[in-house]
């Protein structure tokens, strides 16, 4: 299991695949699978049977996981896709920093 630089709540852009260029917010980070689930990106169709009497069955569309290597963090200040650098502040706090503009994320 590798450490992921992308966390829940980050805004990311998709770099490759059928959803290339789409942006969205990370709903779930899955570090063991090295994947993320992004809001509004990579929909999968799922057929659901009604479990109890009165339940509605049908075809659902929901977000499927994407590999972390296919997405890149978008800096909230400069609004560009960027890599993330980790630095220590004077008080000992570890923060993520944008490689383009140097702003803390």
Protein backbone atom coordinates (compact mmCIF):
# COMPACT_ATOMS: atom_id res chain seq x y z
CA UNK A 1 0.00 0.00 0.00
CA UNK A 2 1.50 3.30 -1.13
CA UNK A 3 0.80 6.68 0.38
CA UNK A 4 -1.64 8.65 -1.78
CA UNK A 5 -1.29 12.40 -2.31
CA UNK A 6 -5.01 12.71 -3.06
CA UNK A 7 -7.51 12.77 -0.20
CA UNK A 8 -11.26 12.91 0.27
CA UNK A 9 -12.64 16.35 -0.60
CA UNK A 10 -9.86 17.27 -3.08
CA UNK A 11 -10.77 18.55 -6.54
CA UNK A 12 -9.14 16.48 -9.28
CA UNK A 13 -8.99 16.35 -13.08
CA UNK A 14 -8.97 13.07 -15.05
CA UNK A 15 -5.83 12.71 -17.20
CA UNK A 16 -6.68 9.69 -19.38
CA UNK A 17 -9.45 7.37 -20.45
CA UNK A 18 -13.02 7.96 -21.59
CA UNK A 19 -13.52 10.69 -18.95
CA UNK A 20 -10.37 12.66 -19.85
CA UNK A 21 -10.62 16.36 -18.97
CA UNK A 22 -13.52 16.04 -16.52
CA UNK A 23 -13.13 17.51 -13.05
CA UNK A 24 -14.84 16.55 -9.83
CA UNK A 25 -14.57 16.26 -6.09
CA UNK A 26 -13.15 13.09 -4.51
CA UNK A 27 -15.95 11.29 -2.66
CA UNK A 28 -13.89 8.35 -1.39
CA UNK A 29 -10.19 7.51 -1.31
CA UNK A 30 -9.31 3.80 -1.42
CA UNK A 31 -5.58 3.56 -0.50
CA UNK A 32 -5.46 -0.26 -0.46
CA UNK A 33 -6.69 -0.38 -4.08
CA UNK A 34 -4.82 2.84 -5.03
CA UNK A 35 -8.08 4.24 -6.36
CA UNK A 36 -10.48 7.14 -5.82
CA UNK A 37 -14.18 7.67 -6.49
CA UNK A 38 -14.78 11.05 -8.15
CA UNK A 39 -18.15 12.82 -8.15
CA UNK A 40 -19.79 12.81 -11.61
CA UNK A 41 -17.01 10.82 -13.31
CA UNK A 42 -16.69 7.18 -14.48
CA UNK A 43 -20.28 5.96 -14.17
CA UNK A 44 -20.95 2.21 -14.09
CA UNK A 45 -24.33 0.60 -14.74
CA UNK A 46 -25.59 -1.76 -12.06
CA UNK A 47 -28.68 -3.98 -12.26
CA UNK A 48 -30.47 -4.17 -8.91
CA UNK A 49 -33.16 -6.65 -7.88
CA UNK A 50 -35.81 -5.67 -5.36
CA UNK A 51 -34.77 -7.14 -1.99
CA UNK A 52 -38.07 -6.84 -0.11
CA UNK A 53 -41.66 -6.57 -1.15
CA UNK A 54 -42.35 -2.98 -2.12
CA UNK A 55 -38.72 -2.19 -3.02
CA UNK A 56 -37.96 -0.79 -6.45
CA UNK A 57 -35.58 -2.74 -8.70
CA UNK A 58 -34.01 -1.45 -11.87
CA UNK A 59 -30.84 -0.14 -13.47
CA UNK A 60 -28.71 2.21 -11.36
CA UNK A 61 -25.83 4.38 -12.52
CA UNK A 62 -23.18 5.09 -9.90
CA UNK A 63 -19.58 6.26 -9.78
CA UNK A 64 -16.94 3.53 -10.06
CA UNK A 65 -13.37 3.76 -8.72
CA UNK A 66 -10.61 5.32 -10.83
CA UNK A 67 -6.89 4.57 -10.48
CA UNK A 68 -4.98 7.32 -8.69
CA UNK A 69 -2.40 7.51 -11.49
CA UNK A 70 -5.17 8.69 -13.86
CA UNK A 71 -6.13 11.76 -11.83
CA UNK A 72 -4.26 14.91 -10.78
CA UNK A 73 -4.98 17.39 -7.99
CA UNK A 74 -6.27 20.84 -9.04
CA UNK A 75 -4.91 23.78 -7.01
CA UNK A 76 -7.74 25.95 -5.60
CA UNK A 77 -5.69 29.16 -5.98
CA UNK A 78 -4.14 28.92 -9.46
CA UNK A 79 -6.87 26.52 -10.75
CA UNK A 80 -4.33 24.35 -12.61
CA UNK A 81 -3.55 20.62 -12.32
CA UNK A 82 -0.51 20.26 -10.11
CA UNK A 83 1.67 17.81 -8.28
CA UNK A 84 1.80 18.07 -4.51
CA UNK A 85 4.86 18.75 -2.39
CA UNK A 86 4.91 18.02 1.36
CA UNK A 87 6.65 20.54 3.64
CA UNK A 88 6.97 21.20 7.36
CA UNK A 89 5.92 24.55 8.82
CA UNK A 90 7.82 26.29 11.63
CA UNK A 91 5.39 24.91 14.22
CA UNK A 92 6.02 21.31 13.04
CA UNK A 93 2.77 20.92 11.08
CA UNK A 94 2.99 18.94 7.84
CA UNK A 95 1.18 20.62 4.89
CA UNK A 96 0.70 20.02 1.17
CA UNK A 97 1.98 22.71 -1.19
CA UNK A 98 1.16 23.42 -4.86
CA UNK A 99 4.18 22.93 -7.14
CA UNK A 100 2.98 25.70 -9.53
CA UNK A 101 2.17 28.64 -7.26
CA UNK A 102 3.62 27.53 -3.88
CA UNK A 103 0.30 28.01 -2.05
CA UNK A 104 -0.56 25.64 0.82
CA UNK A 105 -3.44 23.31 0.07
